[in-house]
């Protein structure tokens, strides 16, 4: 399989000589798909991602009003991006309007990835950003998801990008890598714990959200997000159904049905349709064996022990 078949162009030729030297000194692995990972400051990255992360660490100077959407890949990032866009656009572009940006743009294009484009979204763990954010009051919204659903969602995403229909070999390789911690932006448990601890230490700066809670109680979670971002709903807005309108517009079924998301391609070369799947809680049961599910649960229970964080 050629690397160009993947959804991401590794662009290793764009690495600086300094980064290449750094990579040669770092732990490395090739867990699946023939893609090399290197471990930097406790986290696994593709080589070109590391280049972007080094650039961010050296040059990121967030404005006081900036908002960073953070997540482990396939944890509900697109949904939170859509909700955030809709919250801030609601005065200029009501959800019922035909010119709303979400109707003609994929949420990932409206809020690109920090380590790739130096703007408002990231999959980096908090400790990697911590130095750059030390003196900034900008807001960080983190969304996490049950490890099993997260891993299965990423597997299905990769299969769709590779035009492979539920390749069990890839699933089993990803499962073993995920459980060992050797996964892009992993270990998973270290990633979520970095933001969990940051949210406890500075709740006005970091909001920790769970995908499962957004699914089961979207109204209160959206209002919580709006309050954290400094744009709470007024009594009149709530009375007029603004919360319901935003939730409807940003629902996965609505976003999935838009022309831009059925046929378009995002700036990183991924077909927009590949970002959408079921989005349901507990779908992992349709793909992982009970033994695999139990193993992941035991790992997460051990890793999150004494943190106060539970799923």
C-alpha atoms as a PDB file:
ATOM      1  CA  UNK A   1       0.000   0.000   0.000  1.00  0.00           C
ATOM      2  CA  UNK A   2       1.426   3.359  -1.024  1.00  0.00           C
ATOM      3  CA  UNK A   3       1.355   6.200   1.439  1.00  0.00           C
ATOM      4  CA  UNK A   4      -0.367   8.418  -1.110  1.00  0.00           C
ATOM      5  CA  UNK A   5      -3.398   6.146  -0.798  1.00  0.00           C
ATOM      6  CA  UNK A   6      -3.974   7.463   2.706  1.00  0.00           C
ATOM      7  CA  UNK A   7      -6.010  10.512   3.638  1.00  0.00           C
ATOM      8  CA  UNK A   8      -2.870  12.323   4.705  1.00  0.00           C
ATOM      9  CA  UNK A   9       0.191  13.280   2.721  1.00  0.00           C
ATOM     10  CA  UNK A  10       3.088  12.810   5.114  1.00  0.00           C
ATOM     11  CA  UNK A  11       5.222  15.380   3.274  1.00  0.00           C
ATOM     12  CA  UNK A  12       8.404  14.107   4.918  1.00  0.00           C
ATOM     13  CA  UNK A  13      10.367  16.081   2.337  1.00  0.00           C
ATOM     14  CA  UNK A  14       9.130  19.251   4.063  1.00  0.00           C
ATOM     15  CA  UNK A  15      10.770  18.383   7.363  1.00  0.00           C
ATOM     16  CA  UNK A  16      13.565  20.684   8.448  1.00  0.00           C
ATOM     17  CA  UNK A  17      17.013  19.200   9.007  1.00  0.00           C
ATOM     18  CA  UNK A  18      16.623  20.014  12.703  1.00  0.00           C
ATOM     19  CA  UNK A  19      13.393  18.021  12.886  1.00  0.00           C
ATOM     20  CA  UNK A  20      14.933  15.087  11.025  1.00  0.00           C
ATOM     21  CA  UNK A  21      17.792  15.051  13.519  1.00  0.00           C
ATOM     22  CA  UNK A  22      15.327  15.161  16.399  1.00  0.00           C
ATOM     23  CA  UNK A  23      13.281  12.287  14.919  1.00  0.00           C
ATOM     24  CA  UNK A  24      16.393  10.141  14.611  1.00  0.00           C
ATOM     25  CA  UNK A  25      16.886  10.440  18.380  1.00  0.00           C
ATOM     26  CA  UNK A  26      13.285   9.655  19.342  1.00  0.00           C
ATOM     27  CA  UNK A  27      11.597   6.296  20.002  1.00  0.00           C
ATOM     28  CA  UNK A  28       9.825   5.149  16.850  1.00  0.00           C
ATOM     29  CA  UNK A  29       7.291   2.522  15.832  1.00  0.00           C
ATOM     30  CA  UNK A  30       5.296   1.370  12.815  1.00  0.00           C
ATOM     31  CA  UNK A  31       2.121  -0.029  14.399  1.00  0.00           C
ATOM     32  CA  UNK A  32      -0.041  -0.447  11.289  1.00  0.00           C
ATOM     33  CA  UNK A  33      -0.545   0.798   7.717  1.00  0.00           C
ATOM     34  CA  UNK A  34       3.184   1.201   7.208  1.00  0.00           C
ATOM     35  CA  UNK A  35       3.204   4.689   8.755  1.00  0.00           C
ATOM     36  CA  UNK A  36       6.050   5.664  11.049  1.00  0.00           C
ATOM     37  CA  UNK A  37       5.329   7.194  14.430  1.00  0.00           C
ATOM     38  CA  UNK A  38       7.792   8.898  16.736  1.00  0.00           C
ATOM     39  CA  UNK A  39       7.343   9.614  20.436  1.00  0.00           C
ATOM     40  CA  UNK A  40       7.902  13.220  21.481  1.00  0.00           C
ATOM     41  CA  UNK A  41       7.260  14.452  25.027  1.00  0.00           C
ATOM     42  CA  UNK A  42       5.331  11.278  25.789  1.00  0.00           C
ATOM     43  CA  UNK A  43       3.026  11.381  22.744  1.00  0.00           C
ATOM     44  CA  UNK A  44       3.126   9.530  19.405  1.00  0.00           C
ATOM     45  CA  UNK A  45       3.050  11.582  16.174  1.00  0.00           C
ATOM     46  CA  UNK A  46       3.440  11.175  12.442  1.00  0.00           C
ATOM     47  CA  UNK A  47       6.645  12.842  11.318  1.00  0.00           C
ATOM     48  CA  UNK A  48       4.964  15.782   9.614  1.00  0.00           C
ATOM     49  CA  UNK A  49       2.708  16.321  12.628  1.00  0.00           C
ATOM     50  CA  UNK A  50       5.801  16.613  14.781  1.00  0.00           C
ATOM     51  CA  UNK A  51       7.069  19.358  12.490  1.00  0.00           C
ATOM     52  CA  UNK A  52       3.810  21.244  12.991  1.00  0.00           C
ATOM     53  CA  UNK A  53       3.887  20.707  16.747  1.00  0.00           C
ATOM     54  CA  UNK A  54       7.402  22.094  17.011  1.00  0.00           C
ATOM     55  CA  UNK A  55       6.272  25.129  15.030  1.00  0.00           C
ATOM     56  CA  UNK A  56       3.312  25.600  17.368  1.00  0.00           C
ATOM     57  CA  UNK A  57       5.407  25.285  20.500  1.00  0.00           C
ATOM     58  CA  UNK A  58       7.848  27.880  19.235  1.00  0.00           C
ATOM     59  CA  UNK A  59       5.470  30.324  17.610  1.00  0.00           C
ATOM     60  CA  UNK A  60       1.968  30.020  19.044  1.00  0.00           C
ATOM     61  CA  UNK A  61       0.869  33.262  20.648  1.00  0.00           C
ATOM     62  CA  UNK A  62      -2.877  32.932  21.158  1.00  0.00           C
ATOM     63  CA  UNK A  63      -5.008  36.045  21.379  1.00  0.00           C
ATOM     64  CA  UNK A  64      -7.042  36.551  24.535  1.00  0.00           C
ATOM     65  CA  UNK A  65     -10.261  35.931  22.597  1.00  0.00           C
ATOM     66  CA  UNK A  66      -9.072  32.767  20.816  1.00  0.00           C
ATOM     67  CA  UNK A  67     -10.888  29.470  21.288  1.00  0.00           C
ATOM     68  CA  UNK A  68      -9.160  26.115  20.854  1.00  0.00           C
ATOM     69  CA  UNK A  69     -11.221  22.982  20.225  1.00  0.00           C
ATOM     70  CA  UNK A  70      -9.209  19.982  21.433  1.00  0.00           C
ATOM     71  CA  UNK A  71      -9.816  16.242  21.234  1.00  0.00           C
ATOM     72  CA  UNK A  72      -8.332  12.838  20.636  1.00  0.00           C
ATOM     73  CA  UNK A  73      -9.101  11.918  16.999  1.00  0.00           C
ATOM     74  CA  UNK A  74     -12.645  10.613  16.357  1.00  0.00           C
ATOM     75  CA  UNK A  75     -14.069  11.781  19.666  1.00  0.00           C
ATOM     76  CA  UNK A  76     -16.772  14.104  18.370  1.00  0.00           C
ATOM     77  CA  UNK A  77     -14.527  16.897  17.129  1.00  0.00           C
ATOM     78  CA  UNK A  78     -16.619  17.726  14.072  1.00  0.00           C
ATOM     79  CA  UNK A  79     -19.795  17.961  16.147  1.00  0.00           C
ATOM     80  CA  UNK A  80     -18.284  20.346  18.713  1.00  0.00           C
ATOM     81  CA  UNK A  81     -16.818  22.455  15.911  1.00  0.00           C
ATOM     82  CA  UNK A  82     -20.248  22.743  14.288  1.00  0.00           C
ATOM     83  CA  UNK A  83     -21.903  23.677  17.587  1.00  0.00           C
ATOM     84  CA  UNK A  84     -19.224  26.291  18.317  1.00  0.00           C
ATOM     85  CA  UNK A  85     -19.580  27.863  14.874  1.00  0.00           C
ATOM     86  CA  UNK A  86     -23.368  27.953  15.249  1.00  0.00           C
ATOM     87  CA  UNK A  87     -23.149  29.563  18.691  1.00  0.00           C
ATOM     88  CA  UNK A  88     -21.059  32.465  17.452  1.00  0.00           C
ATOM     89  CA  UNK A  89     -22.896  32.821  14.164  1.00  0.00           C
ATOM     90  CA  UNK A  90     -26.376  32.925  15.631  1.00  0.00           C
ATOM     91  CA  UNK A  91     -26.679  36.719  15.640  1.00  0.00           C
ATOM     92  CA  UNK A  92     -25.358  37.212  12.099  1.00  0.00           C
ATOM     93  CA  UNK A  93     -26.603  33.967  10.568  1.00  0.00           C
ATOM     94  CA  UNK A  94     -29.649  32.437  12.265  1.00  0.00           C
ATOM     95  CA  UNK A  95     -29.913  28.671  11.922  1.00  0.00           C
ATOM     96  CA  UNK A  96     -32.932  29.135   9.673  1.00  0.00           C
ATOM     97  CA  UNK A  97     -30.982  31.306   7.202  1.00  0.00           C
ATOM     98  CA  UNK A  98     -29.925  30.028   3.790  1.00  0.00           C
ATOM     99  CA  UNK A  99     -26.473  31.636   3.995  1.00  0.00           C
ATOM    100  CA  UNK A 100     -25.298  29.976   7.197  1.00  0.00           C
ATOM    101  CA  UNK A 101     -21.632  28.904   6.767  1.00  0.00           C
ATOM    102  CA  UNK A 102     -22.374  25.357   7.948  1.00  0.00           C
ATOM    103  CA  UNK A 103     -24.651  24.854   4.951  1.00  0.00           C
ATOM    104  CA  UNK A 104     -21.797  25.278   2.481  1.00  0.00           C
ATOM    105  CA  UNK A 105     -18.697  24.355   4.502  1.00  0.00           C
ATOM    106  CA  UNK A 106     -17.562  21.276   6.383  1.00  0.00           C
ATOM    107  CA  UNK A 107     -16.973  22.142  10.074  1.00  0.00           C
ATOM    108  CA  UNK A 108     -13.359  20.986   9.792  1.00  0.00           C
ATOM    109  CA  UNK A 109     -12.754  23.636   7.113  1.00  0.00           C
ATOM    110  CA  UNK A 110     -14.349  26.363   9.218  1.00  0.00           C
ATOM    111  CA  UNK A 111     -12.101  25.448  12.160  1.00  0.00           C
ATOM    112  CA  UNK A 112      -8.929  23.828  10.757  1.00  0.00           C
ATOM    113  CA  UNK A 113      -6.357  21.874  12.749  1.00  0.00           C
ATOM    114  CA  UNK A 114      -3.858  23.872  14.746  1.00  0.00           C
ATOM    115  CA  UNK A 115      -0.811  21.708  14.096  1.00  0.00           C
ATOM    116  CA  UNK A 116      -1.572  21.713  10.385  1.00  0.00           C
ATOM    117  CA  UNK A 117      -2.841  25.267   9.827  1.00  0.00           C
ATOM    118  CA  UNK A 118      -1.943  27.258  12.962  1.00  0.00           C
ATOM    119  CA  UNK A 119      -5.538  28.034  13.858  1.00  0.00           C
ATOM    120  CA  UNK A 120      -8.315  26.945  16.158  1.00  0.00           C
ATOM    121  CA  UNK A 121      -8.347  23.167  16.603  1.00  0.00           C
ATOM    122  CA  UNK A 122      -5.906  20.570  17.864  1.00  0.00           C
ATOM    123  CA  UNK A 123      -5.390  16.901  18.718  1.00  0.00           C
ATOM    124  CA  UNK A 124      -2.303  17.665  20.823  1.00  0.00           C
ATOM    125  CA  UNK A 125      -2.377  16.763  24.521  1.00  0.00           C
ATOM    126  CA  UNK A 126      -2.650  19.698  26.905  1.00  0.00           C
ATOM    127  CA  UNK A 127       0.879  19.420  28.254  1.00  0.00           C
ATOM    128  CA  UNK A 128       2.224  20.086  24.741  1.00  0.00           C
ATOM    129  CA  UNK A 129       0.259  23.346  24.570  1.00  0.00           C
ATOM    130  CA  UNK A 130       0.685  24.310  28.184  1.00  0.00           C
ATOM    131  CA  UNK A 131       3.718  26.559  27.805  1.00  0.00           C
ATOM    132  CA  UNK A 132       2.178  28.524  24.938  1.00  0.00           C
ATOM    133  CA  UNK A 133      -1.081  28.968  26.858  1.00  0.00           C
ATOM    134  CA  UNK A 134       0.548  29.832  30.178  1.00  0.00           C
ATOM    135  CA  UNK A 135      -0.123  33.569  29.939  1.00  0.00           C
ATOM    136  CA  UNK A 136      -3.202  33.503  27.728  1.00  0.00           C
ATOM    137  CA  UNK A 137      -6.802  33.603  28.982  1.00  0.00           C
ATOM    138  CA  UNK A 138      -8.030  32.003  25.740  1.00  0.00           C
ATOM    139  CA  UNK A 139     -10.624  29.258  26.081  1.00  0.00           C
ATOM    140  CA  UNK A 140      -9.953  25.552  25.495  1.00  0.00           C
ATOM    141  CA  UNK A 141     -12.868  23.176  24.860  1.00  0.00           C
ATOM    142  CA  UNK A 142     -11.986  19.482  25.090  1.00  0.00           C
ATOM    143  CA  UNK A 143     -14.305  16.675  24.062  1.00  0.00           C
ATOM    144  CA  UNK A 144     -13.575  13.047  24.886  1.00  0.00           C
ATOM    145  CA  UNK A 145     -15.279   9.748  24.142  1.00  0.00           C
ATOM    146  CA  UNK A 146     -15.324   6.206  25.452  1.00  0.00           C
ATOM    147  CA  UNK A 147     -12.097   4.534  24.350  1.00  0.00           C
ATOM    148  CA  UNK A 148     -13.836   1.636  22.609  1.00  0.00           C
ATOM    149  CA  UNK A 149     -16.131   3.801  20.484  1.00  0.00           C
ATOM    150  CA  UNK A 150     -13.251   6.156  19.748  1.00  0.00           C
ATOM    151  CA  UNK A 151     -10.999   3.377  18.471  1.00  0.00           C
ATOM    152  CA  UNK A 152     -13.724   1.739  16.378  1.00  0.00           C
ATOM    153  CA  UNK A 153     -14.682   5.092  14.864  1.00  0.00           C
ATOM    154  CA  UNK A 154     -11.085   5.732  13.844  1.00  0.00           C
ATOM    155  CA  UNK A 155     -10.818   2.229  12.363  1.00  0.00           C
ATOM    156  CA  UNK A 156     -13.937   2.753  10.262  1.00  0.00           C
ATOM    157  CA  UNK A 157     -12.662   6.185   9.212  1.00  0.00           C
ATOM    158  CA  UNK A 158      -9.362   4.720   8.032  1.00  0.00           C
ATOM    159  CA  UNK A 159     -11.123   1.907   6.178  1.00  0.00           C
ATOM    160  CA  UNK A 160     -13.385   4.373   4.376  1.00  0.00           C
ATOM    161  CA  UNK A 161     -10.441   6.569   3.413  1.00  0.00           C
ATOM    162  CA  UNK A 162      -8.661   3.496   2.035  1.00  0.00           C
ATOM    163  CA  UNK A 163     -11.802   2.163   0.348  1.00  0.00           C
ATOM    164  CA  UNK A 164     -11.567  -0.976   2.446  1.00  0.00           C
ATOM    165  CA  UNK A 165     -14.783  -2.438   3.815  1.00  0.00           C
ATOM    166  CA  UNK A 166     -14.341  -3.196   7.520  1.00  0.00           C
ATOM    167  CA  UNK A 167     -10.867  -4.708   7.288  1.00  0.00           C
ATOM    168  CA  UNK A 168     -10.569  -6.885  10.412  1.00  0.00           C
ATOM    169  CA  UNK A 169      -6.799  -7.132  10.045  1.00  0.00           C
ATOM    170  CA  UNK A 170      -6.518  -3.374  10.426  1.00  0.00           C
ATOM    171  CA  UNK A 171      -8.933  -3.465  13.373  1.00  0.00           C
ATOM    172  CA  UNK A 172      -6.918  -6.079  15.221  1.00  0.00           C
ATOM    173  CA  UNK A 173      -3.648  -4.222  14.576  1.00  0.00           C
ATOM    174  CA  UNK A 174      -5.186  -0.945  15.740  1.00  0.00           C
ATOM    175  CA  UNK A 175      -6.618  -2.622  18.830  1.00  0.00           C
ATOM    176  CA  UNK A 176      -3.245  -3.978  19.924  1.00  0.00           C
ATOM    177  CA  UNK A 177      -1.526  -0.661  19.226  1.00  0.00           C
ATOM    178  CA  UNK A 178      -4.248   1.295  21.014  1.00  0.00           C
ATOM    179  CA  UNK A 179      -4.032  -0.930  24.089  1.00  0.00           C
ATOM    180  CA  UNK A 180      -0.243  -0.603  24.185  1.00  0.00           C
ATOM    181  CA  UNK A 181      -0.500   3.178  23.902  1.00  0.00           C
ATOM    182  CA  UNK A 182       1.280   3.316  20.545  1.00  0.00           C
ATOM    183  CA  UNK A 183      -1.293   5.255  18.537  1.00  0.00           C
ATOM    184  CA  UNK A 184      -1.380   8.635  16.821  1.00  0.00           C
ATOM    185  CA  UNK A 185      -1.634  11.293  19.572  1.00  0.00           C
ATOM    186  CA  UNK A 186      -1.635   8.460  22.131  1.00  0.00           C
ATOM    187  CA  UNK A 187      -1.523   7.033  24.654  1.00  0.00           C
ATOM    188  CA  UNK A 188      -5.259   7.707  24.759  1.00  0.00           C
ATOM    189  CA  UNK A 189      -5.437   7.763  28.567  1.00  0.00           C
ATOM    190  CA  UNK A 190      -2.592  10.258  28.906  1.00  0.00           C
ATOM    191  CA  UNK A 191      -4.303  12.510  26.366  1.00  0.00           C
ATOM    192  CA  UNK A 192      -7.635  12.711  28.140  1.00  0.00           C
ATOM    193  CA  UNK A 193      -6.034  12.955  31.581  1.00  0.00           C
ATOM    194  CA  UNK A 194      -3.961  15.962  30.497  1.00  0.00           C
ATOM    195  CA  UNK A 195      -7.119  17.939  29.726  1.00  0.00           C
ATOM    196  CA  UNK A 196      -9.076  16.509  32.657  1.00  0.00           C
ATOM    197  CA  UNK A 197      -6.456  17.712  35.130  1.00  0.00           C
ATOM    198  CA  UNK A 198      -6.240  21.086  33.373  1.00  0.00           C
ATOM    199  CA  UNK A 199     -10.027  21.499  33.626  1.00  0.00           C
ATOM    200  CA  UNK A 200      -9.904  20.798  37.361  1.00  0.00           C
ATOM    201  CA  UNK A 201      -7.058  23.236  37.902  1.00  0.00           C
ATOM    202  CA  UNK A 202      -8.530  26.014  35.768  1.00  0.00           C
ATOM    203  CA  UNK A 203     -12.220  25.450  34.962  1.00  0.00           C
ATOM    204  CA  UNK A 204     -12.616  28.963  33.557  1.00  0.00           C
ATOM    205  CA  UNK A 205      -9.893  28.231  31.010  1.00  0.00           C
ATOM    206  CA  UNK A 206     -10.532  24.577  30.081  1.00  0.00           C
ATOM    207  CA  UNK A 207     -13.951  22.961  29.605  1.00  0.00           C
ATOM    208  CA  UNK A 208     -13.981  19.156  29.661  1.00  0.00           C
ATOM    209  CA  UNK A 209     -16.934  17.621  27.797  1.00  0.00           C
ATOM    210  CA  UNK A 210     -17.958  14.005  27.237  1.00  0.00           C
ATOM    211  CA  UNK A 211     -19.415  12.875  23.928  1.00  0.00           C
ATOM    212  CA  UNK A 212     -21.836  10.534  25.717  1.00  0.00           C
ATOM    213  CA  UNK A 213     -23.257  13.422  27.771  1.00  0.00           C
ATOM    214  CA  UNK A 214     -23.681  15.630  24.712  1.00  0.00           C
ATOM    215  CA  UNK A 215     -25.614  12.797  23.094  1.00  0.00           C
ATOM    216  CA  UNK A 216     -27.860  12.058  26.083  1.00  0.00           C
ATOM    217  CA  UNK A 217     -28.483  15.653  27.218  1.00  0.00           C
ATOM    218  CA  UNK A 218     -27.672  17.965  24.291  1.00  0.00           C
ATOM    219  CA  UNK A 219     -29.699  20.945  25.551  1.00  0.00           C
ATOM    220  CA  UNK A 220     -27.893  21.385  28.855  1.00  0.00           C
ATOM    221  CA  UNK A 221     -24.511  20.574  27.298  1.00  0.00           C
ATOM    222  CA  UNK A 222     -24.968  23.194  24.556  1.00  0.00           C
ATOM    223  CA  UNK A 223     -26.012  25.792  27.142  1.00  0.00           C
ATOM    224  CA  UNK A 224     -22.973  24.826  29.227  1.00  0.00           C
ATOM    225  CA  UNK A 225     -20.731  25.301  26.193  1.00  0.00           C
ATOM    226  CA  UNK A 226     -22.310  28.680  25.381  1.00  0.00           C
ATOM    227  CA  UNK A 227     -21.816  29.936  28.936  1.00  0.00           C
ATOM    228  CA  UNK A 228     -18.190  28.795  28.997  1.00  0.00           C
ATOM    229  CA  UNK A 229     -17.500  30.576  25.694  1.00  0.00           C
ATOM    230  CA  UNK A 230     -19.047  33.782  26.964  1.00  0.00           C
ATOM    231  CA  UNK A 231     -22.073  33.752  24.665  1.00  0.00           C
ATOM    232  CA  UNK A 232     -24.913  32.376  26.827  1.00  0.00           C
ATOM    233  CA  UNK A 233     -28.440  32.086  25.523  1.00  0.00           C
ATOM    234  CA  UNK A 234     -30.801  34.835  26.562  1.00  0.00           C
ATOM    235  CA  UNK A 235     -34.233  34.030  27.978  1.00  0.00           C
ATOM    236  CA  UNK A 236     -35.749  35.263  24.734  1.00  0.00           C
ATOM    237  CA  UNK A 237     -33.513  32.986  22.664  1.00  0.00           C
ATOM    238  CA  UNK A 238     -34.473  29.985  24.739  1.00  0.00           C
ATOM    239  CA  UNK A 239     -38.150  30.897  24.530  1.00  0.00           C
ATOM    240  CA  UNK A 240     -37.899  31.256  20.742  1.00  0.00           C
ATOM    241  CA  UNK A 241     -36.339  27.813  20.341  1.00  0.00           C
ATOM    242  CA  UNK A 242     -32.813  28.943  19.452  1.00  0.00           C
ATOM    243  CA  UNK A 243     -31.241  26.029  21.332  1.00  0.00           C
ATOM    244  CA  UNK A 244     -33.373  23.517  19.440  1.00  0.00           C
ATOM    245  CA  UNK A 245     -32.594  25.194  16.102  1.00  0.00           C
ATOM    246  CA  UNK A 246     -28.849  24.983  16.654  1.00  0.00           C
ATOM    247  CA  UNK A 247     -29.019  21.371  17.775  1.00  0.00           C
ATOM    248  CA  UNK A 248     -31.079  20.494  14.708  1.00  0.00           C
ATOM    249  CA  UNK A 249     -28.751  22.301  12.324  1.00  0.00           C
ATOM    250  CA  UNK A 250     -25.677  20.687  13.874  1.00  0.00           C
ATOM    251  CA  UNK A 251     -27.125  17.196  14.171  1.00  0.00           C
ATOM    252  CA  UNK A 252     -25.039  14.574  12.410  1.00  0.00           C
ATOM    253  CA  UNK A 253     -28.024  13.588  10.267  1.00  0.00           C
ATOM    254  CA  UNK A 254     -28.459  17.178   9.083  1.00  0.00           C
ATOM    255  CA  UNK A 255     -24.763  17.761   8.451  1.00  0.00           C
ATOM    256  CA  UNK A 256     -24.406  14.407   6.701  1.00  0.00           C
ATOM    257  CA  UNK A 257     -27.229  15.267   4.286  1.00  0.00           C
ATOM    258  CA  UNK A 258     -25.717  18.561   3.109  1.00  0.00           C
ATOM    259  CA  UNK A 259     -24.343  18.600  -0.428  1.00  0.00           C
ATOM    260  CA  UNK A 260     -20.948  19.888   0.730  1.00  0.00           C
ATOM    261  CA  UNK A 261     -20.588  16.900   3.055  1.00  0.00           C
ATOM    262  CA  UNK A 262     -21.838  14.313   0.560  1.00  0.00           C
ATOM    263  CA  UNK A 263     -19.626  15.312  -2.364  1.00  0.00           C
ATOM    264  CA  UNK A 264     -17.055  17.841  -1.150  1.00  0.00           C
ATOM    265  CA  UNK A 265     -13.438  17.428  -0.130  1.00  0.00           C
ATOM    266  CA  UNK A 266     -11.794  19.143   2.811  1.00  0.00           C
ATOM    267  CA  UNK A 267      -8.582  21.151   2.622  1.00  0.00           C
ATOM    268  CA  UNK A 268      -6.511  18.160   3.771  1.00  0.00           C
ATOM    269  CA  UNK A 269      -7.751  16.029   0.874  1.00  0.00           C
ATOM    270  CA  UNK A 270     -10.253  13.899   2.807  1.00  0.00           C
ATOM    271  CA  UNK A 271     -13.685  13.314   1.307  1.00  0.00           C
ATOM    272  CA  UNK A 272     -16.116  15.109   3.608  1.00  0.00           C
ATOM    273  CA  UNK A 273     -18.442  12.101   3.637  1.00  0.00           C
ATOM    274  CA  UNK A 274     -15.746  10.060   5.375  1.00  0.00           C
ATOM    275  CA  UNK A 275     -16.072  12.226   8.477  1.00  0.00           C
ATOM    276  CA  UNK A 276     -19.646  11.076   9.042  1.00  0.00           C
ATOM    277  CA  UNK A 277     -20.758   7.755  10.375  1.00  0.00           C
ATOM    278  CA  UNK A 278     -23.317   6.586  12.926  1.00  0.00           C
ATOM    279  CA  UNK A 279     -22.220   8.771  15.813  1.00  0.00           C
ATOM    280  CA  UNK A 280     -23.976   6.542  18.329  1.00  0.00           C
ATOM    281  CA  UNK A 281     -22.835   5.504  21.778  1.00  0.00           C
ATOM    282  CA  UNK A 282     -21.904   1.839  22.236  1.00  0.00           C
ATOM    283  CA  UNK A 283     -21.476   0.996  18.541  1.00  0.00           C
ATOM    284  CA  UNK A 284     -18.202  -0.728  19.432  1.00  0.00           C
ATOM    285  CA  UNK A 285     -20.239  -3.787  20.424  1.00  0.00           C
ATOM    286  CA  UNK A 286     -20.903  -4.438  16.735  1.00  0.00           C
ATOM    287  CA  UNK A 287     -17.190  -4.771  15.965  1.00  0.00           C
ATOM    288  CA  UNK A 288     -15.166  -5.683  19.061  1.00  0.00           C
ATOM    289  CA  UNK A 289     -15.496  -9.015  20.808  1.00  0.00           C
ATOM    290  CA  UNK A 290     -16.581  -8.977  24.483  1.00  0.00           C
ATOM    291  CA  UNK A 291     -13.009  -9.986  25.369  1.00  0.00           C
ATOM    292  CA  UNK A 292     -11.600  -6.993  23.492  1.00  0.00           C
ATOM    293  CA  UNK A 293     -14.092  -4.673  25.170  1.00  0.00           C
ATOM    294  CA  UNK A 294     -13.247  -6.045  28.611  1.00  0.00           C
ATOM    295  CA  UNK A 295      -9.540  -5.632  27.983  1.00  0.00           C
ATOM    296  CA  UNK A 296      -9.929  -1.968  27.042  1.00  0.00           C
ATOM    297  CA  UNK A 297     -12.198  -1.340  30.035  1.00  0.00           C
ATOM    298  CA  UNK A 298      -9.647  -2.874  32.394  1.00  0.00           C
ATOM    299  CA  UNK A 299      -6.848  -0.792  30.915  1.00  0.00           C
ATOM    300  CA  UNK A 300      -8.859   2.420  31.201  1.00  0.00           C
ATOM    301  CA  UNK A 301      -9.925   1.626  34.769  1.00  0.00           C
ATOM    302  CA  UNK A 302      -6.303   1.136  35.752  1.00  0.00           C
ATOM    303  CA  UNK A 303      -5.021   4.217  33.920  1.00  0.00           C
ATOM    304  CA  UNK A 304      -7.743   6.532  35.256  1.00  0.00           C
ATOM    305  CA  UNK A 305      -7.560   5.199  38.815  1.00  0.00           C
ATOM    306  CA  UNK A 306      -7.683   7.946  41.456  1.00  0.00           C
ATOM    307  CA  UNK A 307      -8.197  10.671  38.835  1.00  0.00           C
ATOM    308  CA  UNK A 308     -11.930  11.101  39.461  1.00  0.00           C
ATOM    309  CA  UNK A 309     -12.609  10.650  35.755  1.00  0.00           C
ATOM    310  CA  UNK A 310     -15.010   7.873  34.790  1.00  0.00           C
ATOM    311  CA  UNK A 311     -16.914   6.737  31.693  1.00  0.00           C
END
